[in-house]
């Protein structure tokens, strides 16, 4: 059972990476599959039939093999010349996030600096919640007032909103149940600043 559940979760993660923000219903319509069925796939409740797997892959312009197994990701299919796709690598993950450049045209100039990271904590709720995918600008390492950044320390990812104070920085959480932390330039050096959050992509 554990293996089956793990496969369900992995499949839902791949499908989530293909469905743009707020477009779950549109994607289901494009694929010709009921929204509730697609919703169950996204939530790792059920796995698709072979017929629906083919429909999902066709709607997302990816290979059936990648959607089913995670292998052969770069093999995009049925992509018209004007349907350009931007591949954004996930941090610490061999998979990529596919972005339709007709929707995310502003990100084209930053293509080489972008990275994706799936959130696994509610520290920034309601701004973003577990399961959301963040687009991170890795070229922006400076801590700027009001911006949300992703930090890495001792194997953990930290999501913090920046407040510049006289002694350094206040690293706050949008979820009020978490307390803020204060760092100066010296203590900040113990963190790796991965970049600034450009956008939050939900899977629904």
Protein backbone atom coordinates (compact mmCIF):
# COMPACT_ATOMS: atom_id res chain seq x y z
CA UNK A 1 0.00 0.00 0.00
CA UNK A 2 2.85 2.36 0.81
CA UNK A 3 4.28 2.00 -2.68
CA UNK A 4 0.91 2.64 -4.29
CA UNK A 5 0.34 5.78 -2.22
CA UNK A 6 3.84 7.02 -3.00
CA UNK A 7 3.21 6.54 -6.71
CA UNK A 8 -0.07 8.44 -6.40
CA UNK A 9 1.67 11.34 -4.69
CA UNK A 10 4.49 11.43 -7.24
CA UNK A 11 1.98 11.43 -10.10
CA UNK A 12 0.00 14.26 -8.52
CA UNK A 13 3.22 16.27 -8.10
CA UNK A 14 3.99 15.95 -11.80
CA UNK A 15 0.44 16.90 -12.75
CA UNK A 16 0.47 19.89 -10.37
CA UNK A 17 3.63 21.19 -12.06
CA UNK A 18 1.72 21.35 -15.36
CA UNK A 19 -1.45 23.09 -14.21
CA UNK A 20 -1.11 26.91 -14.08
CA UNK A 21 -2.50 28.93 -11.19
CA UNK A 22 -6.25 28.80 -10.87
CA UNK A 23 -6.70 26.80 -14.06
CA UNK A 24 -7.71 23.40 -12.72
CA UNK A 25 -11.16 23.63 -14.29
CA UNK A 26 -9.81 24.96 -17.60
CA UNK A 27 -7.22 22.20 -17.74
CA UNK A 28 -9.86 19.54 -17.05
CA UNK A 29 -12.03 20.96 -19.84
CA UNK A 30 -9.08 21.03 -22.24
CA UNK A 31 -8.32 17.40 -21.43
CA UNK A 32 -11.97 16.39 -21.79
CA UNK A 33 -12.07 14.96 -18.27
CA UNK A 34 -14.47 15.89 -15.46
CA UNK A 35 -13.10 18.48 -13.05
CA UNK A 36 -13.78 16.34 -9.98
CA UNK A 37 -11.76 13.53 -11.53
CA UNK A 38 -8.82 15.82 -12.29
CA UNK A 39 -9.13 17.28 -8.79
CA UNK A 40 -8.75 13.78 -7.35
CA UNK A 41 -5.61 13.26 -9.43
CA UNK A 42 -4.14 16.55 -8.17
CA UNK A 43 -4.91 15.61 -4.57
CA UNK A 44 -3.40 12.11 -4.94
CA UNK A 45 -6.78 10.52 -4.23
CA UNK A 46 -6.87 8.38 -7.35
CA UNK A 47 -4.74 7.50 -10.37
CA UNK A 48 -5.89 7.89 -13.98
CA UNK A 49 -6.98 5.17 -16.35
CA UNK A 50 -4.75 4.66 -19.36
CA UNK A 51 -7.26 6.55 -21.50
CA UNK A 52 -7.28 9.54 -19.13
CA UNK A 53 -3.48 9.44 -18.81
CA UNK A 54 -3.21 9.91 -22.58
CA UNK A 55 -5.75 12.76 -22.48
CA UNK A 56 -3.87 14.50 -19.65
CA UNK A 57 -0.51 14.19 -21.41
CA UNK A 58 -1.98 15.53 -24.66
CA UNK A 59 -3.59 18.49 -22.90
CA UNK A 60 -0.33 19.34 -21.12
CA UNK A 61 1.92 18.78 -24.16
CA UNK A 62 4.14 16.27 -22.39
CA UNK A 63 4.96 12.67 -23.10
CA UNK A 64 2.77 9.95 -21.62
CA UNK A 65 5.94 8.27 -20.34
CA UNK A 66 7.01 11.28 -18.30
CA UNK A 67 3.55 11.90 -16.86
CA UNK A 68 3.21 8.24 -15.90
CA UNK A 69 6.75 7.56 -14.65
CA UNK A 70 8.68 10.83 -14.34
CA UNK A 71 11.18 9.65 -16.94
CA UNK A 72 11.95 11.35 -20.24
CA UNK A 73 10.76 14.74 -18.99
CA UNK A 74 12.38 16.82 -21.70
CA UNK A 75 10.43 15.05 -24.41
CA UNK A 76 7.65 17.56 -24.96
CA UNK A 77 5.15 16.54 -27.60
CA UNK A 78 2.69 18.39 -29.82
CA UNK A 79 4.22 21.77 -29.04
CA UNK A 80 3.49 24.21 -31.83
CA UNK A 81 6.18 26.79 -32.70
CA UNK A 82 4.13 29.57 -31.11
CA UNK A 83 3.48 27.53 -27.98
CA UNK A 84 6.82 28.10 -26.32
CA UNK A 85 7.55 26.37 -23.06
CA UNK A 86 9.97 27.45 -20.36
CA UNK A 87 11.48 24.69 -18.25
CA UNK A 88 12.25 25.78 -14.69
CA UNK A 89 14.25 23.28 -12.60
CA UNK A 90 13.07 22.39 -9.13
CA UNK A 91 15.67 22.98 -6.42
CA UNK A 92 17.22 19.68 -5.29
CA UNK A 93 15.01 17.76 -7.70
CA UNK A 94 15.68 16.42 -11.17
CA UNK A 95 12.18 17.37 -12.35
CA UNK A 96 11.25 20.66 -13.99
CA UNK A 97 8.27 22.97 -13.94
CA UNK A 98 6.81 23.75 -17.37
CA UNK A 99 5.63 27.30 -17.93
CA UNK A 100 3.72 28.40 -21.02
CA UNK A 101 5.54 31.53 -22.17
CA UNK A 102 2.34 32.91 -23.66
CA UNK A 103 1.12 33.19 -20.05
CA UNK A 104 4.40 33.84 -18.23
CA UNK A 105 5.97 36.09 -20.87
CA UNK A 106 7.53 38.41 -18.26
CA UNK A 107 9.73 35.59 -17.00
CA UNK A 108 11.46 34.96 -20.32
CA UNK A 109 14.24 37.47 -19.63
CA UNK A 110 14.95 35.79 -16.28
CA UNK A 111 14.80 32.23 -17.59
CA UNK A 112 18.34 31.29 -16.55
CA UNK A 113 17.93 32.67 -13.04
CA UNK A 114 14.62 30.97 -12.23
CA UNK A 115 14.16 27.99 -9.94
CA UNK A 116 11.07 26.31 -8.53
CA UNK A 117 10.42 25.01 -5.04
CA UNK A 118 7.35 23.27 -3.63
CA UNK A 119 6.31 24.53 -0.20
CA UNK A 120 5.92 22.02 2.64
CA UNK A 121 5.09 24.36 5.52
CA UNK A 122 2.30 26.76 6.51
CA UNK A 123 4.73 29.40 7.80
CA UNK A 124 3.60 31.91 5.14
CA UNK A 125 -0.12 31.11 5.14
CA UNK A 126 -2.31 32.70 3.77
CA UNK A 127 0.18 34.17 1.26
CA UNK A 128 1.05 30.62 0.22
CA UNK A 129 0.35 27.22 1.72
CA UNK A 130 1.80 23.70 1.67
CA UNK A 131 1.64 22.36 -1.88
CA UNK A 132 2.13 25.73 -3.57
CA UNK A 133 5.02 26.10 -6.00
CA UNK A 134 7.25 29.15 -5.73
CA UNK A 135 9.11 30.73 -8.63
CA UNK A 136 12.38 32.05 -7.27
CA UNK A 137 14.68 34.64 -8.81
CA UNK A 138 18.11 33.28 -7.90
CA UNK A 139 19.85 36.43 -9.16
CA UNK A 140 18.26 38.53 -6.41
CA UNK A 141 20.23 37.77 -3.25
CA UNK A 142 19.80 41.11 -1.52
CA UNK A 143 17.24 41.32 1.28
CA UNK A 144 14.77 44.01 0.26
CA UNK A 145 12.04 45.59 2.36
CA UNK A 146 8.70 43.79 2.12
CA UNK A 147 9.94 41.04 -0.20
CA UNK A 148 9.63 37.32 0.47
CA UNK A 149 12.86 35.35 0.21
CA UNK A 150 13.84 31.71 0.46
CA UNK A 151 16.75 30.86 2.72
CA UNK A 152 18.54 27.56 3.21
CA UNK A 153 20.24 26.43 6.38
CA UNK A 154 21.24 22.98 7.61
CA UNK A 155 19.07 21.16 5.10
CA UNK A 156 15.98 23.27 5.78
CA UNK A 157 14.21 25.82 3.59
CA UNK A 158 13.03 28.99 5.30
CA UNK A 159 10.43 31.34 3.81
CA UNK A 160 10.60 34.85 5.27
CA UNK A 161 9.23 38.33 4.62
CA UNK A 162 11.92 40.97 5.00
CA UNK A 163 11.75 44.02 7.22
CA UNK A 164 14.86 46.18 7.25
CA UNK A 165 15.68 47.43 10.76
CA UNK A 166 18.57 49.48 12.12
CA UNK A 167 20.36 46.44 13.54
CA UNK A 168 19.94 44.31 10.42
CA UNK A 169 16.85 42.43 9.30
CA UNK A 170 13.62 41.13 10.80
CA UNK A 171 12.69 37.85 9.10
CA UNK A 172 8.96 37.53 9.55
CA UNK A 173 6.29 34.95 8.79
CA UNK A 174 2.86 35.82 7.38
CA UNK A 175 1.36 33.14 9.61
CA UNK A 176 0.94 34.84 13.00
CA UNK A 177 1.58 31.66 14.97
CA UNK A 178 5.26 31.81 14.02
CA UNK A 179 7.56 34.34 15.66
CA UNK A 180 9.90 36.57 13.71
CA UNK A 181 13.65 36.25 13.89
CA UNK A 182 16.23 39.02 13.85
CA UNK A 183 19.59 38.75 12.10
CA UNK A 184 22.46 41.14 11.49
CA UNK A 185 24.90 40.97 8.58
CA UNK A 186 27.20 38.63 10.51
CA UNK A 187 24.53 36.10 11.52
CA UNK A 188 22.97 36.31 8.06
CA UNK A 189 26.15 34.77 6.65
CA UNK A 190 25.15 31.45 8.25
CA UNK A 191 22.20 31.28 5.84
CA UNK A 192 22.28 30.65 2.12
CA UNK A 193 20.00 33.15 0.38
CA UNK A 194 18.47 31.19 -2.50
CA UNK A 195 16.59 34.13 -3.95
CA UNK A 196 13.49 36.28 -3.97
CA UNK A 197 10.02 34.88 -4.60
CA UNK A 198 8.68 36.16 -7.93
CA UNK A 199 5.39 34.30 -8.07
CA UNK A 200 3.30 31.74 -6.25
CA UNK A 201 1.67 29.01 -8.32
CA UNK A 202 -1.19 27.05 -6.80
CA UNK A 203 -2.18 23.68 -8.19
CA UNK A 204 -5.86 24.70 -8.28
